[in-house]
Amino acid sequence: MKTLLIQVQPQRVSALPVERVTAAFTAISSMPEVVEHGFERGDDYLNFSFGASDVADLWRHIRSRVFAEFGQCLEASSIVICEGESGWDDYHLLHHFDDAIPRDTL
């Protein structure tokens, strides 16, 4: 099973509606393709993880719903990684708030 890991760093964008973003990602956890999920809140980050049967479809859904809803606020404050079957040995960087960092595709 592959896992999508989404880290949001709210301090990067003061206008980020943290509770609404958290609710949107929590709603994702009830999707049928999500096999397991987790949430961790630190002092300066929110980590959401979603183990999924089809991570490419889940990533499309997250982009079209959550990233579309929160637009530039989420774009400028998040990192998205797809951890592969071998964990960090075969990960893909799908989104980074720094546009200069190359991104992978699924």
PDB file of N, CA and C in Angstrom:
ATOM      1  N   MET A   1       0.839  -1.177   0.000  1.00  0.00           N
ATOM      2  CA  MET A   1       0.000   0.000   0.000  1.00  0.00           C
ATOM      3  C   MET A   1       0.887   1.243   0.000  1.00  0.00           C
ATOM      4  N   LYS A   2       0.474   2.226  -0.760  1.00  0.00           N
ATOM      5  CA  LYS A   2       1.182   3.494  -0.805  1.00  0.00           C
ATOM      6  C   LYS A   2       0.476   4.499   0.097  1.00  0.00           C
ATOM      7  N   THR A   3       1.241   5.500   0.536  1.00  0.00           N
ATOM      8  CA  THR A   3       0.720   6.485   1.472  1.00  0.00           C
ATOM      9  C   THR A   3       0.979   7.892   0.973  1.00  0.00           C
ATOM     10  N   LEU A   4      -0.042   8.735   1.014  1.00  0.00           N
ATOM     11  CA  LEU A   4       0.119  10.169   0.752  1.00  0.00           C
ATOM     12  C   LEU A   4       0.360  10.854   2.083  1.00  0.00           C
ATOM     13  N   LEU A   5       1.406  11.661   2.135  1.00  0.00           N
ATOM     14  CA  LEU A   5       1.747  12.421   3.328  1.00  0.00           C
ATOM     15  C   LEU A   5       1.651  13.895   2.983  1.00  0.00           C
ATOM     16  N   ILE A   6       0.855  14.613   3.725  1.00  0.00           N
ATOM     17  CA  ILE A   6       0.643  16.041   3.465  1.00  0.00           C
ATOM     18  C   ILE A   6       1.028  16.803   4.723  1.00  0.00           C
ATOM     19  N   GLN A   7       1.996  17.685   4.567  1.00  0.00           N
ATOM     20  CA  GLN A   7       2.374  18.537   5.684  1.00  0.00           C
ATOM     21  C   GLN A   7       1.966  19.962   5.364  1.00  0.00           C
ATOM     22  N   VAL A   8       1.242  20.571   6.280  1.00  0.00           N
ATOM     23  CA  VAL A   8       0.829  21.972   6.149  1.00  0.00           C
ATOM     24  C   VAL A   8       1.565  22.753   7.230  1.00  0.00           C
ATOM     25  N   GLN A   9       2.180  23.852   6.830  1.00  0.00           N
ATOM     26  CA  GLN A   9       2.923  24.710   7.750  1.00  0.00           C
ATOM     27  C   GLN A   9       2.183  26.048   7.842  1.00  0.00           C
ATOM     28  N   PRO A  10       1.247  26.153   8.778  1.00  0.00           N
ATOM     29  CA  PRO A  10       0.372  27.334   8.857  1.00  0.00           C
ATOM     30  C   PRO A  10       1.105  28.659   9.021  1.00  0.00           C
ATOM     31  N   GLN A  11       2.263  28.652   9.635  1.00  0.00           N
ATOM     32  CA  GLN A  11       2.994  29.906   9.833  1.00  0.00           C
ATOM     33  C   GLN A  11       3.464  30.519   8.520  1.00  0.00           C
ATOM     34  N   ARG A  12       3.456  29.758   7.442  1.00  0.00           N
ATOM     35  CA  ARG A  12       3.887  30.276   6.143  1.00  0.00           C
ATOM     36  C   ARG A  12       2.850  31.226   5.534  1.00  0.00           C
ATOM     37  N   VAL A  13       1.572  31.079   5.917  1.00  0.00           N
ATOM     38  CA  VAL A  13       0.488  31.905   5.370  1.00  0.00           C
ATOM     39  C   VAL A  13      -0.448  32.274   6.520  1.00  0.00           C
ATOM     40  N   SER A  14      -0.433  33.515   6.908  1.00  0.00           N
ATOM     41  CA  SER A  14      -1.223  33.932   8.072  1.00  0.00           C
ATOM     42  C   SER A  14      -2.734  33.797   7.839  1.00  0.00           C
ATOM     43  N   ALA A  15      -3.174  33.855   6.603  1.00  0.00           N
ATOM     44  CA  ALA A  15      -4.612  33.789   6.305  1.00  0.00           C
ATOM     45  C   ALA A  15      -5.143  32.357   6.186  1.00  0.00           C
ATOM     46  N   LEU A  16      -4.299  31.365   6.388  1.00  0.00           N
ATOM     47  CA  LEU A  16      -4.726  29.977   6.242  1.00  0.00           C
ATOM     48  C   LEU A  16      -5.760  29.622   7.314  1.00  0.00           C
ATOM     49  N   PRO A  17      -6.956  29.189   6.908  1.00  0.00           N
ATOM     50  CA  PRO A  17      -7.988  28.807   7.884  1.00  0.00           C
ATOM     51  C   PRO A  17      -7.727  27.379   8.391  1.00  0.00           C
ATOM     52  N   VAL A  18      -6.896  27.265   9.403  1.00  0.00           N
ATOM     53  CA  VAL A  18      -6.389  25.975   9.870  1.00  0.00           C
ATOM     54  C   VAL A  18      -7.500  24.985  10.204  1.00  0.00           C
ATOM     55  N   GLU A  19      -8.508  25.413  10.907  1.00  0.00           N
ATOM     56  CA  GLU A  19      -9.573  24.482  11.298  1.00  0.00           C
ATOM     57  C   GLU A  19     -10.371  23.998  10.092  1.00  0.00           C
ATOM     58  N   ARG A  20     -10.600  24.861   9.125  1.00  0.00           N
ATOM     59  CA  ARG A  20     -11.320  24.445   7.907  1.00  0.00           C
ATOM     60  C   ARG A  20     -10.469  23.486   7.073  1.00  0.00           C
ATOM     61  N   VAL A  21      -9.166  23.747   6.987  1.00  0.00           N
ATOM     62  CA  VAL A  21      -8.263  22.837   6.261  1.00  0.00           C
ATOM     63  C   VAL A  21      -8.243  21.483   6.954  1.00  0.00           C
ATOM     64  N   THR A  22      -8.151  21.480   8.271  1.00  0.00           N
ATOM     65  CA  THR A  22      -8.163  20.231   9.027  1.00  0.00           C
ATOM     66  C   THR A  22      -9.462  19.463   8.785  1.00  0.00           C
ATOM     67  N   ALA A  23     -10.583  20.150   8.783  1.00  0.00           N
ATOM     68  CA  ALA A  23     -11.876  19.499   8.528  1.00  0.00           C
ATOM     69  C   ALA A  23     -11.939  18.916   7.114  1.00  0.00           C
ATOM     70  N   ALA A  24     -11.400  19.639   6.144  1.00  0.00           N
ATOM     71  CA  ALA A  24     -11.410  19.152   4.753  1.00  0.00           C
ATOM     72  C   ALA A  24     -10.579  17.875   4.613  1.00  0.00           C
ATOM     73  N   PHE A  25      -9.401  17.844   5.235  1.00  0.00           N
ATOM     74  CA  PHE A  25      -8.580  16.636   5.165  1.00  0.00           C
ATOM     75  C   PHE A  25      -9.181  15.503   5.990  1.00  0.00           C
ATOM     76  N   THR A  26      -9.836  15.822   7.079  1.00  0.00           N
ATOM     77  CA  THR A  26     -10.507  14.793   7.875  1.00  0.00           C
ATOM     78  C   THR A  26     -11.617  14.145   7.054  1.00  0.00           C
ATOM     79  N   ALA A  27     -12.336  14.922   6.266  1.00  0.00           N
ATOM     80  CA  ALA A  27     -13.395  14.382   5.407  1.00  0.00           C
ATOM     81  C   ALA A  27     -12.831  13.418   4.364  1.00  0.00           C
ATOM     82  N   ILE A  28     -11.613  13.680   3.894  1.00  0.00           N
ATOM     83  CA  ILE A  28     -10.960  12.791   2.917  1.00  0.00           C
ATOM     84  C   ILE A  28     -10.809  11.384   3.504  1.00  0.00           C
ATOM     85  N   SER A  29     -10.597  11.296   4.797  1.00  0.00           N
ATOM     86  CA  SER A  29     -10.340   9.993   5.423  1.00  0.00           C
ATOM     87  C   SER A  29     -11.513   9.021   5.292  1.00  0.00           C
ATOM     88  N   SER A  30     -12.705   9.512   4.999  1.00  0.00           N
ATOM     89  CA  SER A  30     -13.861   8.614   4.858  1.00  0.00           C
ATOM     90  C   SER A  30     -14.068   8.115   3.426  1.00  0.00           C
ATOM     91  N   MET A  31     -13.194   8.517   2.512  1.00  0.00           N
ATOM     92  CA  MET A  31     -13.326   8.044   1.131  1.00  0.00           C
ATOM     93  C   MET A  31     -13.061   6.539   1.056  1.00  0.00           C
ATOM     94  N   PRO A  32     -13.733   5.829   0.167  1.00  0.00           N
ATOM     95  CA  PRO A  32     -13.586   4.368   0.096  1.00  0.00           C
ATOM     96  C   PRO A  32     -12.155   3.894  -0.195  1.00  0.00           C
ATOM     97  N   GLU A  33     -11.386   4.658  -0.978  1.00  0.00           N
ATOM     98  CA  GLU A  33     -10.035   4.207  -1.306  1.00  0.00           C
ATOM     99  C   GLU A  33      -9.028   4.428  -0.182  1.00  0.00           C
ATOM    100  N   VAL A  34      -9.423   5.153   0.878  1.00  0.00           N
ATOM    101  CA  VAL A  34      -8.537   5.390   2.017  1.00  0.00           C
ATOM    102  C   VAL A  34      -8.646   4.193   2.965  1.00  0.00           C
ATOM    103  N   VAL A  35      -7.535   3.481   3.092  1.00  0.00           N
ATOM    104  CA  VAL A  35      -7.487   2.272   3.904  1.00  0.00           C
ATOM    105  C   VAL A  35      -7.112   2.608   5.347  1.00  0.00           C
ATOM    106  N   GLU A  36      -6.229   3.577   5.514  1.00  0.00           N
ATOM    107  CA  GLU A  36      -5.848   4.037   6.847  1.00  0.00           C
ATOM    108  C   GLU A  36      -5.482   5.507   6.771  1.00  0.00           C
ATOM    109  N   HIS A  37      -5.560   6.178   7.901  1.00  0.00           N
ATOM    110  CA  HIS A  37      -5.243   7.602   7.901  1.00  0.00           C
ATOM    111  C   HIS A  37      -4.709   7.998   9.267  1.00  0.00           C
ATOM    112  N   GLY A  38      -4.004   9.121   9.286  1.00  0.00           N
ATOM    113  CA  GLY A  38      -3.461   9.628  10.536  1.00  0.00           C
ATOM    114  C   GLY A  38      -3.398  11.139  10.510  1.00  0.00           C
ATOM    115  N   PHE A  39      -3.289  11.712  11.699  1.00  0.00           N
ATOM    116  CA  PHE A  39      -3.198  13.156  11.837  1.00  0.00           C
ATOM    117  C   PHE A  39      -2.284  13.467  13.014  1.00  0.00           C
ATOM    118  N   GLU A  40      -1.406  14.420  12.818  1.00  0.00           N
ATOM    119  CA  GLU A  40      -0.513  14.858  13.881  1.00  0.00           C
ATOM    120  C   GLU A  40      -0.413  16.377  13.814  1.00  0.00           C
ATOM    121  N   ARG A  41      -0.599  17.018  14.960  1.00  0.00           N
ATOM    122  CA  ARG A  41      -0.485  18.476  15.041  1.00  0.00           C
ATOM    123  C   ARG A  41       0.720  18.802  15.907  1.00  0.00           C
ATOM    124  N   GLY A  42       1.678  19.527  15.310  1.00  0.00           N
ATOM    125  CA  GLY A  42       2.837  19.988  16.056  1.00  0.00           C
ATOM    126  C   GLY A  42       2.736  21.483  16.291  1.00  0.00           C
ATOM    127  N   ASP A  43       3.748  22.048  16.872  1.00  0.00           N
ATOM    128  CA  ASP A  43       3.739  23.484  17.145  1.00  0.00           C
ATOM    129  C   ASP A  43       3.679  24.321  15.870  1.00  0.00           C
ATOM    130  N   ASP A  44       4.307  23.826  14.798  1.00  0.00           N
ATOM    131  CA  ASP A  44       4.363  24.614  13.567  1.00  0.00           C
ATOM    132  C   ASP A  44       4.015  23.804  12.314  1.00  0.00           C
ATOM    133  N   TYR A  45       3.273  22.719  12.487  1.00  0.00           N
ATOM    134  CA  TYR A  45       2.878  21.911  11.330  1.00  0.00           C
ATOM    135  C   TYR A  45       1.633  21.093  11.634  1.00  0.00           C
ATOM    136  N   LEU A  46       0.980  20.671  10.559  1.00  0.00           N
ATOM    137  CA  LEU A  46      -0.105  19.688  10.593  1.00  0.00           C
ATOM    138  C   LEU A  46       0.305  18.587   9.626  1.00  0.00           C
ATOM    139  N   ASN A  47       0.311  17.355  10.055  1.00  0.00           N
ATOM    140  CA  ASN A  47       0.630  16.227   9.182  1.00  0.00           C
ATOM    141  C   ASN A  47      -0.603  15.362   8.998  1.00  0.00           C
ATOM    142  N   PHE A  48      -0.958  15.131   7.756  1.00  0.00           N
ATOM    143  CA  PHE A  48      -2.060  14.246   7.399  1.00  0.00           C
ATOM    144  C   PHE A  48      -1.485  13.092   6.589  1.00  0.00           C
ATOM    145  N   SER A  49      -1.854  11.874   6.884  1.00  0.00           N
ATOM    146  CA  SER A  49      -1.399  10.727   6.096  1.00  0.00           C
ATOM    147  C   SER A  49      -2.599   9.876   5.697  1.00  0.00           C
ATOM    148  N   PHE A  50      -2.521   9.381   4.470  1.00  0.00           N
ATOM    149  CA  PHE A  50      -3.610   8.581   3.918  1.00  0.00           C
ATOM    150  C   PHE A  50      -3.032   7.374   3.192  1.00  0.00           C
ATOM    151  N   GLY A  51      -3.209   6.194   3.749  1.00  0.00           N
ATOM    152  CA  GLY A  51      -2.876   4.971   3.040  1.00  0.00           C
ATOM    153  C   GLY A  51      -4.037   4.658   2.115  1.00  0.00           C
ATOM    154  N   ALA A  52      -3.743   4.427   0.850  1.00  0.00           N
ATOM    155  CA  ALA A  52      -4.837   4.286  -0.117  1.00  0.00           C
ATOM    156  C   ALA A  52      -4.575   3.172  -1.111  1.00  0.00           C
ATOM    157  N   SER A  53      -5.660   2.604  -1.581  1.00  0.00           N
ATOM    158  CA  SER A  53      -5.570   1.568  -2.620  1.00  0.00           C
ATOM    159  C   SER A  53      -5.189   2.176  -3.966  1.00  0.00           C
ATOM    160  N   ASP A  54      -5.550   3.428  -4.187  1.00  0.00           N
ATOM    161  CA  ASP A  54      -5.221   4.123  -5.442  1.00  0.00           C
ATOM    162  C   ASP A  54      -4.789   5.553  -5.104  1.00  0.00           C
ATOM    163  N   VAL A  55      -3.494   5.728  -4.836  1.00  0.00           N
ATOM    164  CA  VAL A  55      -3.019   7.049  -4.409  1.00  0.00           C
ATOM    165  C   VAL A  55      -3.105   8.085  -5.526  1.00  0.00           C
ATOM    166  N   ALA A  56      -2.966   7.668  -6.773  1.00  0.00           N
ATOM    167  CA  ALA A  56      -3.067   8.624  -7.884  1.00  0.00           C
ATOM    168  C   ALA A  56      -4.475   9.225  -7.932  1.00  0.00           C
ATOM    169  N   ASP A  57      -5.483   8.393  -7.776  1.00  0.00           N
ATOM    170  CA  ASP A  57      -6.863   8.884  -7.765  1.00  0.00           C
ATOM    171  C   ASP A  57      -7.113   9.756  -6.535  1.00  0.00           C
ATOM    172  N   LEU A  58      -6.595   9.345  -5.401  1.00  0.00           N
ATOM    173  CA  LEU A  58      -6.752  10.136  -4.186  1.00  0.00           C
ATOM    174  C   LEU A  58      -6.076  11.497  -4.325  1.00  0.00           C
ATOM    175  N   TRP A  59      -4.884  11.537  -4.893  1.00  0.00           N
ATOM    176  CA  TRP A  59      -4.169  12.796  -5.099  1.00  0.00           C
ATOM    177  C   TRP A  59      -4.959  13.710  -6.047  1.00  0.00           C
ATOM    178  N   ARG A  60      -5.519  13.164  -7.119  1.00  0.00           N
ATOM    179  CA  ARG A  60      -6.361  13.964  -8.020  1.00  0.00           C
ATOM    180  C   ARG A  60      -7.543  14.555  -7.261  1.00  0.00           C
ATOM    181  N   HIS A  61      -8.153  13.748  -6.425  1.00  0.00           N
ATOM    182  CA  HIS A  61      -9.302  14.207  -5.644  1.00  0.00           C
ATOM    183  C   HIS A  61      -8.884  15.322  -4.672  1.00  0.00           C
ATOM    184  N   ILE A  62      -7.801  15.154  -3.986  1.00  0.00           N
ATOM    185  CA  ILE A  62      -7.316  16.168  -3.038  1.00  0.00           C
ATOM    186  C   ILE A  62      -6.999  17.475  -3.766  1.00  0.00           C
ATOM    187  N   ARG A  63      -6.356  17.383  -4.922  1.00  0.00           N
ATOM    188  CA  ARG A  63      -6.044  18.603  -5.690  1.00  0.00           C
ATOM    189  C   ARG A  63      -7.313  19.303  -6.153  1.00  0.00           C
ATOM    190  N   SER A  64      -8.273  18.527  -6.656  1.00  0.00           N
ATOM    191  CA  SER A  64      -9.474  19.145  -7.223  1.00  0.00           C
ATOM    192  C   SER A  64     -10.451  19.638  -6.160  1.00  0.00           C
ATOM    193  N   ARG A  65     -10.354  19.126  -4.959  1.00  0.00           N
ATOM    194  CA  ARG A  65     -11.272  19.538  -3.901  1.00  0.00           C
ATOM    195  C   ARG A  65     -10.581  20.427  -2.856  1.00  0.00           C
ATOM    196  N   VAL A  66      -9.635  19.877  -2.143  1.00  0.00           N
ATOM    197  CA  VAL A  66      -9.041  20.593  -1.015  1.00  0.00           C
ATOM    198  C   VAL A  66      -8.128  21.718  -1.496  1.00  0.00           C
ATOM    199  N   PHE A  67      -7.208  21.408  -2.417  1.00  0.00           N
ATOM    200  CA  PHE A  67      -6.311  22.457  -2.912  1.00  0.00           C
ATOM    201  C   PHE A  67      -7.083  23.517  -3.694  1.00  0.00           C
ATOM    202  N   ALA A  68      -8.117  23.111  -4.408  1.00  0.00           N
ATOM    203  CA  ALA A  68      -8.935  24.092  -5.130  1.00  0.00           C
ATOM    204  C   ALA A  68      -9.689  25.000  -4.159  1.00  0.00           C
ATOM    205  N   GLU A  69     -10.187  24.436  -3.078  1.00  0.00           N
ATOM    206  CA  GLU A  69     -10.950  25.228  -2.101  1.00  0.00           C
ATOM    207  C   GLU A  69     -10.086  26.264  -1.381  1.00  0.00           C
ATOM    208  N   PHE A  70      -8.870  25.882  -1.030  1.00  0.00           N
ATOM    209  CA  PHE A  70      -8.025  26.767  -0.238  1.00  0.00           C
ATOM    210  C   PHE A  70      -6.949  27.466  -1.059  1.00  0.00           C
ATOM    211  N   GLY A  71      -6.911  27.179  -2.346  1.00  0.00           N
ATOM    212  CA  GLY A  71      -6.085  27.896  -3.302  1.00  0.00           C
ATOM    213  C   GLY A  71      -4.664  28.198  -2.878  1.00  0.00           C
ATOM    214  N   GLN A  72      -4.281  29.436  -3.092  1.00  0.00           N
ATOM    215  CA  GLN A  72      -2.908  29.871  -2.869  1.00  0.00           C
ATOM    216  C   GLN A  72      -2.468  29.683  -1.417  1.00  0.00           C
ATOM    217  N   CYS A  73      -3.383  29.782  -0.473  1.00  0.00           N
ATOM    218  CA  CYS A  73      -3.022  29.576   0.940  1.00  0.00           C
ATOM    219  C   CYS A  73      -2.422  28.190   1.160  1.00  0.00           C
ATOM    220  N   LEU A  74      -3.061  27.171   0.615  1.00  0.00           N
ATOM    221  CA  LEU A  74      -2.564  25.807   0.779  1.00  0.00           C
ATOM    222  C   LEU A  74      -1.361  25.545  -0.106  1.00  0.00           C
ATOM    223  N   GLU A  75      -1.377  26.081  -1.319  1.00  0.00           N
ATOM    224  CA  GLU A  75      -0.230  25.932  -2.225  1.00  0.00           C
ATOM    225  C   GLU A  75       1.055  26.466  -1.589  1.00  0.00           C
ATOM    226  N   ALA A  76       0.936  27.590  -0.889  1.00  0.00           N
ATOM    227  CA  ALA A  76       2.108  28.274  -0.334  1.00  0.00           C
ATOM    228  C   ALA A  76       2.521  27.757   1.039  1.00  0.00           C
ATOM    229  N   SER A  77       1.796  26.777   1.574  1.00  0.00           N
ATOM    230  CA  SER A  77       2.106  26.332   2.929  1.00  0.00           C
ATOM    231  C   SER A  77       2.223  24.816   3.077  1.00  0.00           C
ATOM    232  N   SER A  78       2.266  24.079   1.957  1.00  0.00           N
ATOM    233  CA  SER A  78       2.224  22.625   2.097  1.00  0.00           C
ATOM    234  C   SER A  78       3.275  21.904   1.259  1.00  0.00           C
ATOM    235  N   ILE A  79       3.511  20.673   1.687  1.00  0.00           N
ATOM    236  CA  ILE A  79       4.375  19.719   0.986  1.00  0.00           C
ATOM    237  C   ILE A  79       3.576  18.421   0.906  1.00  0.00           C
ATOM    238  N   VAL A  80       3.591  17.772  -0.270  1.00  0.00           N
ATOM    239  CA  VAL A  80       2.879  16.502  -0.433  1.00  0.00           C
ATOM    240  C   VAL A  80       3.853  15.475  -0.987  1.00  0.00           C
ATOM    241  N   ILE A  81       3.913  14.347  -0.317  1.00  0.00           N
ATOM    242  CA  ILE A  81       4.815  13.263  -0.709  1.00  0.00           C
ATOM    243  C   ILE A  81       4.005  11.980  -0.813  1.00  0.00           C
ATOM    244  N   CYS A  82       4.323  11.170  -1.803  1.00  0.00           N
ATOM    245  CA  CYS A  82       3.755   9.831  -1.898  1.00  0.00           C
ATOM    246  C   CYS A  82       4.862   8.854  -1.521  1.00  0.00           C
ATOM    247  N   GLU A  83       4.662   8.189  -0.407  1.00  0.00           N
ATOM    248  CA  GLU A  83       5.603   7.171   0.048  1.00  0.00           C
ATOM    249  C   GLU A  83       5.220   5.870  -0.644  1.00  0.00           C
ATOM    250  N   GLY A  84       6.186   5.177  -1.218  1.00  0.00           N
ATOM    251  CA  GLY A  84       5.886   3.972  -1.973  1.00  0.00           C
ATOM    252  C   GLY A  84       5.815   2.711  -1.140  1.00  0.00           C
ATOM    253  N   GLU A  85       5.736   1.598  -1.817  1.00  0.00           N
ATOM    254  CA  GLU A  85       5.676   0.302  -1.147  1.00  0.00           C
ATOM    255  C   GLU A  85       6.896   0.072  -0.261  1.00  0.00           C
ATOM    256  N   SER A  86       8.031   0.662  -0.630  1.00  0.00           N
ATOM    257  CA  SER A  86       9.267   0.526   0.150  1.00  0.00           C
ATOM    258  C   SER A  86       9.514   1.742   1.034  1.00  0.00           C
ATOM    259  N   GLY A  87       8.467   2.453   1.365  1.00  0.00           N
ATOM    260  CA  GLY A  87       8.599   3.620   2.239  1.00  0.00           C
ATOM    261  C   GLY A  87       9.350   4.753   1.565  1.00  0.00           C
ATOM    262  N   TRP A  88      10.326   5.296   2.261  1.00  0.00           N
ATOM    263  CA  TRP A  88      11.075   6.443   1.750  1.00  0.00           C
ATOM    264  C   TRP A  88      12.067   6.051   0.661  1.00  0.00           C
ATOM    265  N   ASP A  89      12.262   4.750   0.437  1.00  0.00           N
ATOM    266  CA  ASP A  89      13.185   4.318  -0.618  1.00  0.00           C
ATOM    267  C   ASP A  89      12.643   4.586  -2.010  1.00  0.00           C
ATOM    268  N   ASP A  90      11.339   4.754  -2.131  1.00  0.00           N
ATOM    269  CA  ASP A  90      10.748   5.023  -3.452  1.00  0.00           C
ATOM    270  C   ASP A  90       9.630   6.061  -3.351  1.00  0.00           C
ATOM    271  N   TYR A  91       9.946   7.193  -2.739  1.00  0.00           N
ATOM    272  CA  TYR A  91       8.939   8.253  -2.579  1.00  0.00           C
ATOM    273  C   TYR A  91       8.925   9.184  -3.793  1.00  0.00           C
ATOM    274  N   HIS A  92       7.818   9.925  -3.926  1.00  0.00           N
ATOM    275  CA  HIS A  92       7.661  10.943  -4.971  1.00  0.00           C
ATOM    276  C   HIS A  92       7.231  12.252  -4.308  1.00  0.00           C
ATOM    277  N   LEU A  93       7.911  13.316  -4.634  1.00  0.00           N
ATOM    278  CA  LEU A  93       7.523  14.644  -4.155  1.00  0.00           C
ATOM    279  C   LEU A  93       6.491  15.181  -5.139  1.00  0.00           C
ATOM    280  N   LEU A  94       5.247  15.332  -4.688  1.00  0.00           N
ATOM    281  CA  LEU A  94       4.156  15.735  -5.570  1.00  0.00           C
ATOM    282  C   LEU A  94       3.869  17.231  -5.526  1.00  0.00           C
ATOM    283  N   HIS A  95       4.151  17.850  -4.391  1.00  0.00           N
ATOM    284  CA  HIS A  95       3.937  19.291  -4.260  1.00  0.00           C
ATOM    285  C   HIS A  95       4.888  19.832  -3.207  1.00  0.00           C
ATOM    286  N   HIS A  96       5.385  21.041  -3.452  1.00  0.00           N
ATOM    287  CA  HIS A  96       6.215  21.739  -2.468  1.00  0.00           C
ATOM    288  C   HIS A  96       5.902  23.216  -2.569  1.00  0.00           C
ATOM    289  N   PHE A  97       5.823  23.885  -1.432  1.00  0.00           N
ATOM    290  CA  PHE A  97       5.517  25.318  -1.441  1.00  0.00           C
ATOM    291  C   PHE A  97       6.570  26.136  -2.168  1.00  0.00           C
ATOM    292  N   ASP A  98       7.786  25.609  -2.314  1.00  0.00           N
ATOM    293  CA  ASP A  98       8.848  26.284  -3.067  1.00  0.00           C
ATOM    294  C   ASP A  98       8.820  25.781  -4.503  1.00  0.00           C
ATOM    295  N   ASP A  99       8.371  26.626  -5.414  1.00  0.00           N
ATOM    296  CA  ASP A  99       8.254  26.234  -6.823  1.00  0.00           C
ATOM    297  C   ASP A  99       9.586  25.860  -7.480  1.00  0.00           C
ATOM    298  N   ALA A 100      10.690  26.248  -6.886  1.00  0.00           N
ATOM    299  CA  ALA A 100      12.010  25.935  -7.446  1.00  0.00           C
ATOM    300  C   ALA A 100      12.400  24.476  -7.242  1.00  0.00           C
ATOM    301  N   ILE A 101      11.707  23.789  -6.362  1.00  0.00           N
ATOM    302  CA  ILE A 101      12.031  22.381  -6.093  1.00  0.00           C
ATOM    303  C   ILE A 101      11.285  21.504  -7.100  1.00  0.00           C
ATOM    304  N   PRO A 102      12.020  20.655  -7.834  1.00  0.00           N
ATOM    305  CA  PRO A 102      11.377  19.796  -8.839  1.00  0.00           C
ATOM    306  C   PRO A 102      10.366  18.839  -8.200  1.00  0.00           C
ATOM    307  N   ARG A 103       9.306  18.597  -8.924  1.00  0.00           N
ATOM    308  CA  ARG A 103       8.235  17.722  -8.455  1.00  0.00           C
ATOM    309  C   ARG A 103       8.162  16.476  -9.324  1.00  0.00           C
ATOM    310  N   ASP A 104       7.672  15.416  -8.718  1.00  0.00           N
ATOM    311  CA  ASP A 104       7.467  14.153  -9.432  1.00  0.00           C
ATOM    312  C   ASP A 104       5.999  14.036  -9.808  1.00  0.00           C
ATOM    313  N   THR A 105       5.708  13.044 -10.608  1.00  0.00           N
ATOM    314  CA  THR A 105       4.320  12.738 -10.948  1.00  0.00           C
ATOM    315  C   THR A 105       4.063  11.269 -10.599  1.00  0.00           C
ATOM    316  N   LEU A 106       2.815  10.931 -10.503  1.00  0.00           N
ATOM    317  CA  LEU A 106       2.438   9.529 -10.243  1.00  0.00           C
ATOM    318  C   LEU A 106       2.056   8.853 -11.533  1.00  0.00           C
TER     319      LEU A 106
END
